[in-house]
């Protein structure tokens, strides 16, 4: 074979696929989300998170949460699910 090297293409493809299938998840107890929208956006972006769960006792469903609106305006591809 001389200077030729055998390359296992299937194994390389499997490694790439398994790396793509990993989901990055984080959980954070915000202890008041108010005035922390910039921090939340930085955490999500710098860690390239797919899912970011926030526990927040005082968040209500009334729709008066400016921090959530700021986060959604900054991170257009994220969605908020409130339970």
Protein backbone atom coordinates (compact mmCIF):
# COMPACT_ATOMS: atom_id res chain seq x y z
CA UNK A 1 0.00 0.00 0.00
CA UNK A 2 2.94 2.37 0.40
CA UNK A 3 1.81 5.82 1.53
CA UNK A 4 -1.94 5.09 1.40
CA UNK A 5 -3.95 5.06 4.62
CA UNK A 6 -7.23 3.27 5.17
CA UNK A 7 -9.91 5.65 6.45
CA UNK A 8 -12.98 4.26 8.21
CA UNK A 9 -15.58 6.66 6.77
CA UNK A 10 -18.56 4.98 8.44
CA UNK A 11 -17.04 5.38 11.90
CA UNK A 12 -16.35 9.08 11.25
CA UNK A 13 -19.95 9.57 10.13
CA UNK A 14 -21.27 7.77 13.22
CA UNK A 15 -19.17 10.03 15.48
CA UNK A 16 -20.52 13.13 13.73
CA UNK A 17 -24.12 11.92 14.02
CA UNK A 18 -23.79 11.06 17.72
CA UNK A 19 -22.32 14.52 18.40
CA UNK A 20 -25.29 16.11 16.64
CA UNK A 21 -27.80 14.13 18.70
CA UNK A 22 -26.66 15.53 22.05
CA UNK A 23 -28.96 18.05 23.69
CA UNK A 24 -27.50 20.73 25.95
CA UNK A 25 -29.77 21.38 28.93
CA UNK A 26 -29.46 23.61 31.99
CA UNK A 27 -31.63 24.34 35.03
CA UNK A 28 -31.37 27.59 36.98
CA UNK A 29 -33.17 28.87 40.08
CA UNK A 30 -33.43 32.55 39.14
CA UNK A 31 -34.53 33.87 42.55
CA UNK A 32 -36.30 36.71 40.74
CA UNK A 33 -35.99 36.92 37.00
CA UNK A 34 -36.55 40.66 37.09
CA UNK A 35 -33.59 42.57 35.58
CA UNK A 36 -31.77 39.34 34.68
CA UNK A 37 -32.83 38.98 31.04
CA UNK A 38 -29.35 39.91 29.78
CA UNK A 39 -27.76 37.30 32.03
CA UNK A 40 -30.21 34.64 30.83
CA UNK A 41 -29.48 35.44 27.18
CA UNK A 42 -25.72 35.32 27.85
CA UNK A 43 -25.99 31.94 29.61
CA UNK A 44 -28.03 30.44 26.77
CA UNK A 45 -25.82 31.86 24.00
CA UNK A 46 -22.40 31.24 25.52
CA UNK A 47 -23.25 27.65 26.46
CA UNK A 48 -25.18 26.99 23.22
CA UNK A 49 -28.08 25.55 25.19
CA UNK A 50 -30.97 23.80 23.49
CA UNK A 51 -33.16 23.83 26.59
CA UNK A 52 -32.90 26.22 29.52
CA UNK A 53 -35.30 25.63 32.41
CA UNK A 54 -35.80 28.42 34.92
CA UNK A 55 -37.53 28.00 38.25
CA UNK A 56 -39.18 31.23 39.30
CA UNK A 57 -41.77 31.36 42.08
CA UNK A 58 -43.06 34.86 41.37
CA UNK A 59 -43.55 34.49 37.61
CA UNK A 60 -47.25 34.56 36.84
CA UNK A 61 -49.30 34.00 33.73
CA UNK A 62 -50.77 37.51 33.73
CA UNK A 63 -48.41 38.55 30.93
CA UNK A 64 -46.79 41.43 32.83
CA UNK A 65 -43.29 39.98 32.78
CA UNK A 66 -40.94 42.35 30.95
CA UNK A 67 -37.93 40.05 31.47
CA UNK A 68 -39.54 37.25 29.45
CA UNK A 69 -40.37 39.67 26.64
CA UNK A 70 -36.76 40.92 26.57
CA UNK A 71 -35.42 37.35 26.43
CA UNK A 72 -37.75 36.40 23.60
CA UNK A 73 -36.85 39.56 21.66
CA UNK A 74 -33.15 38.73 21.95
CA UNK A 75 -33.36 34.98 21.33
CA UNK A 76 -35.77 34.75 18.40
CA UNK A 77 -35.45 30.96 18.01
CA UNK A 78 -36.36 30.18 21.63
CA UNK A 79 -39.85 29.50 22.92
CA UNK A 80 -41.21 29.88 26.44
CA UNK A 81 -43.31 27.13 27.94
CA UNK A 82 -44.72 28.08 31.32
CA UNK A 83 -46.07 25.41 33.64
